[in-house]
Amino acid sequence: MKHLPLVAMCLVSACGGATTGHVTFHAPIEVEPYRAINELTPLDEVPLNGSAQYSGTIGFGSNDVNTIDDARVVGDMALDVDFRRDRVSGTSDRFVDRLTGERLTGALESDLRIYRDAEDTASDALAGFTDGILRRPNGRRVDVELDVFGDFYGTRGRRIAGTVEGEAKGLAVSPTDTVNGVFDVRR
């Protein structure tokens, strides 16, 4: 126990404290909470200012689509988020029909809003739509209209993921053209 004060003094000295016997305390550094990329971000931790670009994947089909792997039609999705205005816009393109192997040309445009007043995890933090016209290689037109619902995940909302549902007329995925799907984008 005789050596304890000497060890403590060396530690304080190595940490930037004074060697005169006085200990200097610094205000604690506020550390941003870490959230796993699959952990829901509370809305009060989503940025209020600035913007961010997200990129990832969107997929849909006629069956219960719970993951991108379940989707018949898959494409690239890019979203631009304006946190100050609570607006999200973007484009989805480079679609592939995984059943036929065909590439679909064209793009879907997204228009979403951030809802900061969502009261619980059952409420979607983002909602809006994505729509547009895709074309098969033979020129056949596919009219897509999807409602989009999503949430922020990870530290400060580094990921946005959610579901889509609506119609893909001309895709022939179901007798009613009704589709559902998922999207997952990250910054």
N, C-alpha and C. Protein backbone atom coordinates (compact mmCIF):
# COMPACT_ATOMS: atom_id res chain seq x y z
N MET A 1 0.81 -1.20 0.00
CA MET A 1 0.00 0.00 0.00
C MET A 1 0.85 1.25 0.00
N LYS A 2 2.14 1.17 0.35
CA LYS A 2 2.99 2.35 0.35
C LYS A 2 3.13 2.94 -1.05
N HIS A 3 3.06 2.11 -2.06
CA HIS A 3 3.33 2.57 -3.42
C HIS A 3 2.09 3.13 -4.10
N LEU A 4 0.94 3.01 -3.51
CA LEU A 4 -0.29 3.48 -4.13
C LEU A 4 -0.26 4.96 -4.45
N PRO A 5 0.13 5.88 -3.55
CA PRO A 5 0.16 7.30 -3.91
C PRO A 5 1.11 7.58 -5.07
N LEU A 6 2.24 6.91 -5.14
CA LEU A 6 3.19 7.12 -6.21
C LEU A 6 2.59 6.67 -7.55
N VAL A 7 1.92 5.50 -7.55
CA VAL A 7 1.28 5.00 -8.76
C VAL A 7 0.18 5.95 -9.20
N ALA A 8 -0.63 6.41 -8.25
CA ALA A 8 -1.72 7.33 -8.57
C ALA A 8 -1.16 8.62 -9.13
N MET A 9 -0.05 9.12 -8.56
CA MET A 9 0.56 10.34 -9.03
C MET A 9 1.10 10.18 -10.45
N CYS A 10 1.68 9.02 -10.74
CA CYS A 10 2.19 8.76 -12.09
C CYS A 10 1.04 8.70 -13.09
N LEU A 11 -0.05 8.07 -12.71
CA LEU A 11 -1.21 7.99 -13.60
C LEU A 11 -1.79 9.36 -13.86
N VAL A 12 -1.92 10.17 -12.82
CA VAL A 12 -2.45 11.52 -12.98
C VAL A 12 -1.51 12.32 -13.87
N SER A 13 -0.22 12.17 -13.67
CA SER A 13 0.77 12.89 -14.47
C SER A 13 0.69 12.45 -15.93
N ALA A 14 0.55 11.17 -16.17
CA ALA A 14 0.48 10.65 -17.54
C ALA A 14 -0.80 11.07 -18.24
N CYS A 15 -1.84 11.36 -17.48
CA CYS A 15 -3.12 11.75 -18.07
C CYS A 15 -3.23 13.25 -18.22
N GLY A 16 -2.18 13.98 -17.97
CA GLY A 16 -2.25 15.42 -18.18
C GLY A 16 -2.52 16.20 -16.91
N GLY A 17 -2.56 15.55 -15.78
CA GLY A 17 -2.79 16.25 -14.52
C GLY A 17 -1.50 16.89 -14.06
N ALA A 18 -1.60 17.75 -13.10
CA ALA A 18 -0.42 18.45 -12.60
C ALA A 18 0.40 17.52 -11.72
N THR A 19 1.74 17.74 -11.66
CA THR A 19 2.62 16.94 -10.81
C THR A 19 2.86 17.62 -9.48
N THR A 20 2.18 18.70 -9.20
CA THR A 20 2.39 19.44 -7.96
C THR A 20 1.54 18.89 -6.83
N GLY A 21 0.83 17.81 -7.08
CA GLY A 21 -0.03 17.25 -6.05
C GLY A 21 -1.49 17.66 -6.23
N HIS A 22 -1.74 18.59 -7.11
CA HIS A 22 -3.12 18.99 -7.40
C HIS A 22 -3.64 18.15 -8.56
N VAL A 23 -4.86 17.74 -8.49
CA VAL A 23 -5.46 16.95 -9.55
C VAL A 23 -6.38 17.86 -10.35
N THR A 24 -6.23 17.82 -11.64
CA THR A 24 -7.09 18.60 -12.52
C THR A 24 -8.16 17.69 -13.08
N PHE A 25 -9.41 18.10 -12.94
CA PHE A 25 -10.53 17.34 -13.49
C PHE A 25 -11.07 18.09 -14.69
N HIS A 26 -11.33 17.36 -15.73
CA HIS A 26 -11.89 17.95 -16.94
C HIS A 26 -13.37 17.56 -17.02
N ALA A 27 -14.15 18.42 -17.67
CA ALA A 27 -15.57 18.10 -17.86
C ALA A 27 -15.66 16.84 -18.71
N PRO A 28 -16.61 15.99 -18.41
CA PRO A 28 -16.73 14.75 -19.19
C PRO A 28 -17.07 15.07 -20.65
N ILE A 29 -16.50 14.30 -21.53
CA ILE A 29 -16.79 14.45 -22.95
C ILE A 29 -18.12 13.77 -23.22
N GLU A 30 -18.99 14.46 -23.91
CA GLU A 30 -20.28 13.86 -24.24
C GLU A 30 -20.08 12.93 -25.43
N VAL A 31 -20.33 11.68 -25.21
CA VAL A 31 -20.14 10.67 -26.24
C VAL A 31 -21.48 10.35 -26.88
N GLU A 32 -21.48 10.38 -28.20
CA GLU A 32 -22.70 10.05 -28.92
C GLU A 32 -23.03 8.58 -28.68
N PRO A 33 -24.28 8.26 -28.36
CA PRO A 33 -24.61 6.85 -28.09
C PRO A 33 -24.42 6.00 -29.34
N TYR A 34 -23.84 4.84 -29.16
CA TYR A 34 -23.65 3.92 -30.26
C TYR A 34 -24.91 3.07 -30.41
N ARG A 35 -25.38 2.93 -31.61
CA ARG A 35 -26.51 2.06 -31.89
C ARG A 35 -26.10 1.13 -33.03
N ALA A 36 -26.39 -0.15 -32.84
CA ALA A 36 -26.11 -1.12 -33.90
C ALA A 36 -26.93 -0.75 -35.13
N ILE A 37 -26.42 -1.12 -36.29
CA ILE A 37 -27.04 -0.73 -37.55
C ILE A 37 -28.46 -1.28 -37.70
N ASN A 38 -28.82 -2.31 -36.92
CA ASN A 38 -30.18 -2.86 -36.97
C ASN A 38 -31.02 -2.42 -35.78
N GLU A 39 -30.50 -1.48 -34.97
CA GLU A 39 -31.24 -0.98 -33.81
C GLU A 39 -31.96 0.32 -34.19
N LEU A 40 -33.24 0.39 -33.89
CA LEU A 40 -34.06 1.55 -34.22
C LEU A 40 -33.48 2.82 -33.59
N THR A 41 -33.38 3.88 -34.36
CA THR A 41 -32.88 5.17 -33.87
C THR A 41 -34.04 5.97 -33.30
N PRO A 42 -33.98 6.39 -32.03
CA PRO A 42 -35.03 7.28 -31.51
C PRO A 42 -35.05 8.57 -32.34
N LEU A 43 -36.22 9.11 -32.59
CA LEU A 43 -36.33 10.28 -33.45
C LEU A 43 -35.59 11.49 -32.91
N ASP A 44 -35.41 11.58 -31.59
CA ASP A 44 -34.67 12.72 -31.05
C ASP A 44 -33.16 12.59 -31.30
N GLU A 45 -32.71 11.46 -31.85
CA GLU A 45 -31.31 11.28 -32.21
C GLU A 45 -31.08 11.40 -33.72
N VAL A 46 -32.15 11.60 -34.48
CA VAL A 46 -32.02 11.82 -35.91
C VAL A 46 -31.64 13.29 -36.09
N PRO A 47 -30.64 13.59 -36.94
CA PRO A 47 -30.20 14.98 -37.10
C PRO A 47 -31.34 15.94 -37.44
N LEU A 48 -31.21 17.18 -36.97
CA LEU A 48 -32.19 18.23 -37.25
C LEU A 48 -31.75 19.13 -38.40
N ASN A 49 -30.48 19.12 -38.72
CA ASN A 49 -29.93 19.97 -39.77
C ASN A 49 -29.03 19.15 -40.67
N GLY A 50 -28.71 19.74 -41.81
CA GLY A 50 -27.80 19.09 -42.74
C GLY A 50 -28.51 18.15 -43.67
N SER A 51 -27.71 17.44 -44.44
CA SER A 51 -28.26 16.49 -45.40
C SER A 51 -27.34 15.27 -45.46
N ALA A 52 -27.85 14.22 -46.06
CA ALA A 52 -27.08 12.99 -46.20
C ALA A 52 -27.58 12.22 -47.42
N GLN A 53 -26.67 11.46 -48.01
CA GLN A 53 -27.02 10.60 -49.13
C GLN A 53 -26.94 9.15 -48.66
N TYR A 54 -27.95 8.40 -49.04
CA TYR A 54 -28.05 6.98 -48.70
C TYR A 54 -28.12 6.19 -50.00
N SER A 55 -27.55 4.98 -50.00
CA SER A 55 -27.68 4.12 -51.17
C SER A 55 -27.84 2.67 -50.71
N GLY A 56 -28.54 1.91 -51.54
CA GLY A 56 -28.79 0.52 -51.20
C GLY A 56 -29.69 -0.13 -52.22
N THR A 57 -30.65 -0.91 -51.73
CA THR A 57 -31.45 -1.77 -52.59
C THR A 57 -32.94 -1.65 -52.27
N ILE A 58 -33.75 -1.83 -53.31
CA ILE A 58 -35.20 -1.94 -53.17
C ILE A 58 -35.62 -3.20 -53.92
N GLY A 59 -36.62 -3.91 -53.39
CA GLY A 59 -37.10 -5.10 -54.05
C GLY A 59 -38.58 -5.31 -53.78
N PHE A 60 -39.29 -5.88 -54.75
CA PHE A 60 -40.72 -6.16 -54.55
C PHE A 60 -41.14 -7.37 -55.37
N GLY A 61 -42.29 -7.90 -55.01
CA GLY A 61 -42.84 -9.06 -55.68
C GLY A 61 -44.24 -9.32 -55.18
N SER A 62 -44.84 -10.42 -55.64
CA SER A 62 -46.23 -10.70 -55.28
C SER A 62 -46.37 -11.52 -54.00
N ASN A 63 -45.34 -12.23 -53.62
CA ASN A 63 -45.41 -13.03 -52.40
C ASN A 63 -45.06 -12.17 -51.21
N ASP A 64 -45.10 -12.76 -50.03
CA ASP A 64 -44.68 -12.03 -48.85
C ASP A 64 -43.19 -11.76 -48.95
N VAL A 65 -42.84 -10.53 -49.22
CA VAL A 65 -41.45 -10.14 -49.38
C VAL A 65 -40.99 -9.53 -48.07
N ASN A 66 -40.18 -10.29 -47.33
CA ASN A 66 -39.67 -9.82 -46.04
C ASN A 66 -38.21 -9.42 -46.09
N THR A 67 -37.49 -9.89 -47.12
CA THR A 67 -36.09 -9.54 -47.32
C THR A 67 -35.88 -9.32 -48.82
N ILE A 68 -34.77 -8.71 -49.16
CA ILE A 68 -34.44 -8.51 -50.58
C ILE A 68 -34.36 -9.87 -51.29
N ASP A 69 -33.90 -10.90 -50.61
CA ASP A 69 -33.79 -12.23 -51.22
C ASP A 69 -35.15 -12.79 -51.62
N ASP A 70 -36.24 -12.32 -50.98
CA ASP A 70 -37.59 -12.79 -51.32
C ASP A 70 -38.16 -12.09 -52.54
N ALA A 71 -37.56 -10.99 -52.95
CA ALA A 71 -38.14 -10.14 -54.00
C ALA A 71 -37.89 -10.70 -55.39
N ARG A 72 -38.88 -10.54 -56.25
CA ARG A 72 -38.73 -10.95 -57.65
C ARG A 72 -38.01 -9.86 -58.45
N VAL A 73 -38.34 -8.62 -58.19
CA VAL A 73 -37.74 -7.49 -58.90
C VAL A 73 -36.87 -6.72 -57.92
N VAL A 74 -35.61 -6.51 -58.29
CA VAL A 74 -34.65 -5.86 -57.40
C VAL A 74 -33.93 -4.75 -58.16
N GLY A 75 -33.72 -3.62 -57.47
CA GLY A 75 -33.01 -2.51 -58.10
C GLY A 75 -32.18 -1.73 -57.09
N ASP A 76 -31.42 -0.77 -57.60
CA ASP A 76 -30.62 0.11 -56.76
C ASP A 76 -31.47 1.30 -56.32
N MET A 77 -31.30 1.71 -55.07
CA MET A 77 -32.05 2.85 -54.54
C MET A 77 -31.06 3.86 -53.97
N ALA A 78 -31.27 5.14 -54.29
CA ALA A 78 -30.47 6.23 -53.74
C ALA A 78 -31.44 7.27 -53.18
N LEU A 79 -31.21 7.68 -51.94
CA LEU A 79 -32.07 8.68 -51.30
C LEU A 79 -31.22 9.86 -50.82
N ASP A 80 -31.73 11.06 -51.00
CA ASP A 80 -31.13 12.29 -50.48
C ASP A 80 -32.04 12.80 -49.38
N VAL A 81 -31.47 12.95 -48.17
CA VAL A 81 -32.26 13.37 -47.02
C VAL A 81 -31.88 14.80 -46.64
N ASP A 82 -32.88 15.66 -46.55
CA ASP A 82 -32.71 17.03 -46.07
C ASP A 82 -33.32 17.05 -44.67
N PHE A 83 -32.47 16.95 -43.65
CA PHE A 83 -32.96 16.84 -42.28
C PHE A 83 -33.64 18.11 -41.80
N ARG A 84 -33.18 19.27 -42.26
CA ARG A 84 -33.78 20.53 -41.82
C ARG A 84 -35.22 20.65 -42.31
N ARG A 85 -35.47 20.24 -43.55
CA ARG A 85 -36.82 20.33 -44.12
C ARG A 85 -37.64 19.06 -43.89
N ASP A 86 -37.02 18.02 -43.33
CA ASP A 86 -37.69 16.72 -43.12
C ASP A 86 -38.23 16.13 -44.42
N ARG A 87 -37.46 16.28 -45.48
CA ARG A 87 -37.85 15.76 -46.79
C ARG A 87 -36.81 14.75 -47.29
N VAL A 88 -37.30 13.76 -48.02
CA VAL A 88 -36.44 12.73 -48.60
C VAL A 88 -36.85 12.56 -50.06
N SER A 89 -35.89 12.62 -50.95
CA SER A 89 -36.16 12.39 -52.37
C SER A 89 -35.13 11.41 -52.89
N GLY A 90 -35.43 10.81 -54.02
CA GLY A 90 -34.46 9.86 -54.55
C GLY A 90 -34.93 9.15 -55.80
N THR A 91 -34.07 8.25 -56.25
CA THR A 91 -34.31 7.50 -57.47
C THR A 91 -33.95 6.04 -57.26
N SER A 92 -34.74 5.17 -57.88
CA SER A 92 -34.43 3.74 -57.92
C SER A 92 -34.36 3.33 -59.39
N ASP A 93 -33.29 2.61 -59.74
CA ASP A 93 -33.12 2.20 -61.13
C ASP A 93 -32.31 0.91 -61.19
N ARG A 94 -31.89 0.54 -62.39
CA ARG A 94 -31.12 -0.69 -62.63
C ARG A 94 -31.85 -1.92 -62.09
N PHE A 95 -33.13 -2.01 -62.42
CA PHE A 95 -33.95 -3.13 -61.95
C PHE A 95 -33.69 -4.40 -62.77
N VAL A 96 -33.80 -5.53 -62.08
CA VAL A 96 -33.68 -6.85 -62.71
C VAL A 96 -34.86 -7.70 -62.23
N ASP A 97 -35.52 -8.35 -63.18
CA ASP A 97 -36.56 -9.33 -62.86
C ASP A 97 -35.82 -10.64 -62.61
N ARG A 98 -35.72 -11.06 -61.37
CA ARG A 98 -34.92 -12.23 -61.02
C ARG A 98 -35.53 -13.53 -61.54
N LEU A 99 -36.82 -13.52 -61.85
CA LEU A 99 -37.46 -14.73 -62.38
C LEU A 99 -37.07 -14.95 -63.84
N THR A 100 -37.08 -13.88 -64.63
CA THR A 100 -36.78 -14.00 -66.06
C THR A 100 -35.33 -13.64 -66.40
N GLY A 101 -34.66 -12.94 -65.48
CA GLY A 101 -33.30 -12.47 -65.75
C GLY A 101 -33.25 -11.19 -66.58
N GLU A 102 -34.40 -10.65 -66.91
CA GLU A 102 -34.45 -9.44 -67.74
C GLU A 102 -34.11 -8.19 -66.94
N ARG A 103 -33.40 -7.28 -67.60
CA ARG A 103 -33.15 -5.96 -67.04
C ARG A 103 -34.30 -5.05 -67.44
N LEU A 104 -34.78 -4.27 -66.50
CA LEU A 104 -35.84 -3.32 -66.77
C LEU A 104 -35.23 -1.93 -66.80
N THR A 105 -35.51 -1.17 -67.86
CA THR A 105 -35.00 0.19 -67.96
C THR A 105 -36.00 1.15 -67.33
N GLY A 106 -35.56 2.37 -67.11
CA GLY A 106 -36.42 3.38 -66.49
C GLY A 106 -36.06 3.55 -65.03
N ALA A 107 -36.84 4.37 -64.35
CA ALA A 107 -36.54 4.67 -62.95
C ALA A 107 -37.81 4.99 -62.19
N LEU A 108 -37.71 4.83 -60.89
CA LEU A 108 -38.78 5.23 -59.97
C LEU A 108 -38.27 6.44 -59.18
N GLU A 109 -39.13 7.42 -59.00
CA GLU A 109 -38.78 8.62 -58.22
C GLU A 109 -39.47 8.53 -56.87
N SER A 110 -38.73 8.84 -55.81
CA SER A 110 -39.26 8.77 -54.45
C SER A 110 -39.48 10.16 -53.87
N ASP A 111 -40.54 10.32 -53.12
CA ASP A 111 -40.84 11.56 -52.40
C ASP A 111 -41.38 11.15 -51.03
N LEU A 112 -40.58 11.36 -49.99
CA LEU A 112 -40.94 10.94 -48.64
C LEU A 112 -40.85 12.12 -47.69
N ARG A 113 -41.46 11.97 -46.54
CA ARG A 113 -41.40 12.97 -45.48
C ARG A 113 -40.98 12.28 -44.19
N ILE A 114 -40.17 13.00 -43.39
CA ILE A 114 -39.81 12.52 -42.06
C ILE A 114 -40.87 13.00 -41.09
N TYR A 115 -41.43 12.08 -40.33
CA TYR A 115 -42.45 12.41 -39.33
C TYR A 115 -41.83 12.32 -37.95
N ARG A 116 -41.38 13.46 -37.44
CA ARG A 116 -40.70 13.49 -36.15
C ARG A 116 -41.67 13.33 -34.98
N ASP A 117 -42.96 13.40 -35.23
CA ASP A 117 -43.94 13.26 -34.16
C ASP A 117 -44.43 11.82 -34.01
N ALA A 118 -43.79 10.87 -34.71
CA ALA A 118 -44.15 9.46 -34.54
C ALA A 118 -43.92 9.10 -33.07
N GLU A 119 -44.95 8.59 -32.41
CA GLU A 119 -44.91 8.45 -30.95
C GLU A 119 -44.22 7.19 -30.44
N ASP A 120 -44.16 6.16 -31.22
CA ASP A 120 -43.56 4.93 -30.72
C ASP A 120 -42.93 4.16 -31.87
N THR A 121 -42.33 3.04 -31.56
CA THR A 121 -41.66 2.27 -32.60
C THR A 121 -42.63 1.64 -33.59
N ALA A 122 -43.91 1.63 -33.27
CA ALA A 122 -44.89 1.10 -34.22
C ALA A 122 -45.21 2.12 -35.30
N SER A 123 -44.86 3.38 -35.08
CA SER A 123 -45.09 4.42 -36.07
C SER A 123 -43.89 4.52 -37.00
N ASP A 124 -44.16 4.75 -38.27
CA ASP A 124 -43.07 4.90 -39.23
C ASP A 124 -42.54 6.32 -39.17
N ALA A 125 -41.22 6.47 -39.13
CA ALA A 125 -40.59 7.78 -39.10
C ALA A 125 -40.60 8.43 -40.48
N LEU A 126 -40.69 7.62 -41.53
CA LEU A 126 -40.74 8.13 -42.90
C LEU A 126 -41.92 7.51 -43.62
N ALA A 127 -42.53 8.30 -44.48
CA ALA A 127 -43.61 7.76 -45.31
C ALA A 127 -43.71 8.62 -46.57
N GLY A 128 -44.18 8.00 -47.62
CA GLY A 128 -44.35 8.70 -48.88
C GLY A 128 -44.60 7.70 -49.99
N PHE A 129 -44.07 8.00 -51.17
CA PHE A 129 -44.31 7.11 -52.31
C PHE A 129 -43.09 7.08 -53.22
N THR A 130 -43.05 6.05 -54.03
CA THR A 130 -42.10 5.97 -55.14
C THR A 130 -42.88 5.45 -56.34
N ASP A 131 -42.70 6.10 -57.46
CA ASP A 131 -43.44 5.68 -58.65
C ASP A 131 -42.66 6.02 -59.91
N GLY A 132 -43.11 5.41 -61.01
CA GLY A 132 -42.47 5.66 -62.29
C GLY A 132 -42.80 4.57 -63.28
N ILE A 133 -42.14 4.65 -64.41
CA ILE A 133 -42.37 3.69 -65.49
C ILE A 133 -41.08 2.92 -65.76
N LEU A 134 -41.21 1.60 -65.74
CA LEU A 134 -40.10 0.72 -66.12
C LEU A 134 -40.49 0.05 -67.43
N ARG A 135 -39.50 -0.40 -68.19
CA ARG A 135 -39.79 -1.10 -69.45
C ARG A 135 -38.97 -2.38 -69.54
N ARG A 136 -39.66 -3.43 -70.02
CA ARG A 136 -38.99 -4.69 -70.29
C ARG A 136 -38.18 -4.55 -71.59
N PRO A 137 -37.28 -5.49 -71.89
CA PRO A 137 -36.49 -5.41 -73.13
C PRO A 137 -37.35 -5.36 -74.40
N ASN A 138 -38.53 -5.97 -74.36
CA ASN A 138 -39.42 -5.94 -75.53
C ASN A 138 -40.22 -4.64 -75.62
N GLY A 139 -39.96 -3.70 -74.72
CA GLY A 139 -40.66 -2.41 -74.75
C GLY A 139 -41.92 -2.36 -73.91
N ARG A 140 -42.34 -3.51 -73.40
CA ARG A 140 -43.57 -3.54 -72.60
C ARG A 140 -43.41 -2.65 -71.36
N ARG A 141 -44.42 -1.84 -71.17
CA ARG A 141 -44.42 -0.85 -70.09
C ARG A 141 -44.87 -1.46 -68.76
N VAL A 142 -44.20 -1.06 -67.67
CA VAL A 142 -44.57 -1.49 -66.32
C VAL A 142 -44.76 -0.23 -65.48
N ASP A 143 -46.00 0.06 -65.12
CA ASP A 143 -46.31 1.24 -64.29
C ASP A 143 -46.25 0.84 -62.82
N VAL A 144 -45.36 1.48 -62.08
CA VAL A 144 -45.14 1.14 -60.67
C VAL A 144 -45.57 2.31 -59.79
N GLU A 145 -46.43 2.01 -58.82
CA GLU A 145 -46.86 2.99 -57.81
C GLU A 145 -46.79 2.30 -56.45
N LEU A 146 -45.85 2.74 -55.61
CA LEU A 146 -45.64 2.10 -54.31
C LEU A 146 -45.71 3.12 -53.18
N ASP A 147 -46.42 2.76 -52.12
CA ASP A 147 -46.35 3.52 -50.88
C ASP A 147 -45.12 3.03 -50.13
N VAL A 148 -44.41 3.95 -49.49
CA VAL A 148 -43.16 3.64 -48.81
C VAL A 148 -43.28 4.00 -47.34
N PHE A 149 -42.86 3.09 -46.47
CA PHE A 149 -42.87 3.31 -45.02
C PHE A 149 -41.52 2.85 -44.47
N GLY A 150 -40.89 3.67 -43.62
CA GLY A 150 -39.59 3.28 -43.13
C GLY A 150 -39.21 3.91 -41.81
N ASP A 151 -38.06 3.50 -41.32
CA ASP A 151 -37.52 4.00 -40.06
C ASP A 151 -36.02 4.19 -40.19
N PHE A 152 -35.48 4.98 -39.27
CA PHE A 152 -34.03 5.17 -39.16
C PHE A 152 -33.48 4.12 -38.20
N TYR A 153 -32.26 3.66 -38.50
CA TYR A 153 -31.59 2.66 -37.66
C TYR A 153 -30.14 3.07 -37.47
N GLY A 154 -29.54 2.58 -36.40
CA GLY A 154 -28.14 2.82 -36.13
C GLY A 154 -27.88 4.18 -35.49
N THR A 155 -26.61 4.48 -35.27
CA THR A 155 -26.21 5.74 -34.66
C THR A 155 -26.59 6.90 -35.58
N ARG A 156 -27.35 7.84 -35.06
CA ARG A 156 -27.80 9.04 -35.78
C ARG A 156 -28.46 8.71 -37.11
N GLY A 157 -29.14 7.57 -37.18
CA GLY A 157 -29.89 7.23 -38.38
C GLY A 157 -29.03 6.92 -39.59
N ARG A 158 -27.98 6.14 -39.41
CA ARG A 158 -27.06 5.83 -40.51
C ARG A 158 -27.69 4.87 -41.53
N ARG A 159 -28.82 4.28 -41.19
CA ARG A 159 -29.50 3.34 -42.09
C ARG A 159 -30.98 3.69 -42.12
N ILE A 160 -31.60 3.55 -43.30
CA ILE A 160 -33.05 3.68 -43.44
C ILE A 160 -33.53 2.37 -44.07
N ALA A 161 -34.53 1.77 -43.47
CA ALA A 161 -35.07 0.53 -44.02
C ALA A 161 -36.57 0.51 -43.78
N GLY A 162 -37.27 -0.24 -44.62
CA GLY A 162 -38.71 -0.31 -44.44
C GLY A 162 -39.38 -1.15 -45.51
N THR A 163 -40.65 -0.87 -45.72
CA THR A 163 -41.47 -1.66 -46.63
C THR A 163 -42.07 -0.80 -47.73
N VAL A 164 -42.46 -1.47 -48.81
CA VAL A 164 -43.18 -0.82 -49.91
C VAL A 164 -44.38 -1.70 -50.23
N GLU A 165 -45.44 -1.07 -50.68
CA GLU A 165 -46.62 -1.83 -51.12
C GLU A 165 -47.40 -1.01 -52.13
N GLY A 166 -47.97 -1.69 -53.10
CA GLY A 166 -48.74 -0.98 -54.12
C GLY A 166 -48.97 -1.85 -55.33
N GLU A 167 -48.80 -1.24 -56.53
CA GLU A 167 -49.07 -1.94 -57.78
C GLU A 167 -47.90 -1.82 -58.74
N ALA A 168 -47.73 -2.86 -59.54
CA ALA A 168 -46.77 -2.87 -60.64
C ALA A 168 -47.52 -3.39 -61.86
N LYS A 169 -48.30 -2.51 -62.48
CA LYS A 169 -49.13 -2.90 -63.63
C LYS A 169 -48.26 -3.22 -64.84
N GLY A 170 -48.48 -4.42 -65.39
CA GLY A 170 -47.72 -4.85 -66.55
C GLY A 170 -46.55 -5.75 -66.21
N LEU A 171 -46.29 -5.95 -64.93
CA LEU A 171 -45.19 -6.81 -64.53
C LEU A 171 -45.62 -8.28 -64.49
N ALA A 172 -46.92 -8.51 -64.37
CA ALA A 172 -47.50 -9.86 -64.33
C ALA A 172 -46.93 -10.67 -63.17
N VAL A 173 -46.80 -10.04 -62.00
CA VAL A 173 -46.35 -10.79 -60.82
C VAL A 173 -47.52 -11.39 -60.08
N SER A 174 -48.71 -10.83 -60.28
CA SER A 174 -49.91 -11.37 -59.65
C SER A 174 -51.11 -10.99 -60.51
N PRO A 175 -52.22 -11.70 -60.36
CA PRO A 175 -53.40 -11.37 -61.16
C PRO A 175 -53.90 -9.94 -60.92
N THR A 176 -53.65 -9.40 -59.75
CA THR A 176 -54.15 -8.05 -59.43
C THR A 176 -53.07 -6.97 -59.56
N ASP A 177 -51.86 -7.35 -59.94
CA ASP A 177 -50.72 -6.43 -60.04
C ASP A 177 -50.29 -5.88 -58.69
N THR A 178 -50.81 -6.44 -57.60
CA THR A 178 -50.46 -5.98 -56.26
C THR A 178 -49.09 -6.55 -55.88
N VAL A 179 -48.24 -5.67 -55.34
CA VAL A 179 -46.90 -6.10 -54.91
C VAL A 179 -46.61 -5.54 -53.52
N ASN A 180 -45.68 -6.18 -52.86
CA ASN A 180 -45.13 -5.65 -51.61
C ASN A 180 -43.63 -5.91 -51.63
N GLY A 181 -42.92 -5.22 -50.77
CA GLY A 181 -41.48 -5.40 -50.79
C GLY A 181 -40.78 -4.67 -49.67
N VAL A 182 -39.48 -4.53 -49.83
CA VAL A 182 -38.64 -3.92 -48.81
C VAL A 182 -37.59 -3.02 -49.47
N PHE A 183 -37.00 -2.14 -48.67
CA PHE A 183 -35.85 -1.36 -49.11
C PHE A 183 -34.89 -1.21 -47.96
N ASP A 184 -33.62 -1.00 -48.27
CA ASP A 184 -32.58 -0.89 -47.25
C ASP A 184 -31.46 -0.04 -47.83
N VAL A 185 -31.25 1.16 -47.25
CA VAL A 185 -30.21 2.07 -47.73
C VAL A 185 -29.37 2.54 -46.54
N ARG A 186 -28.10 2.84 -46.82
CA ARG A 186 -27.17 3.27 -45.77
C ARG A 186 -26.33 4.43 -46.27
N ARG A 187 -25.83 5.21 -45.28
CA ARG A 187 -24.90 6.28 -45.68
C ARG A 187 -23.51 5.92 -45.25
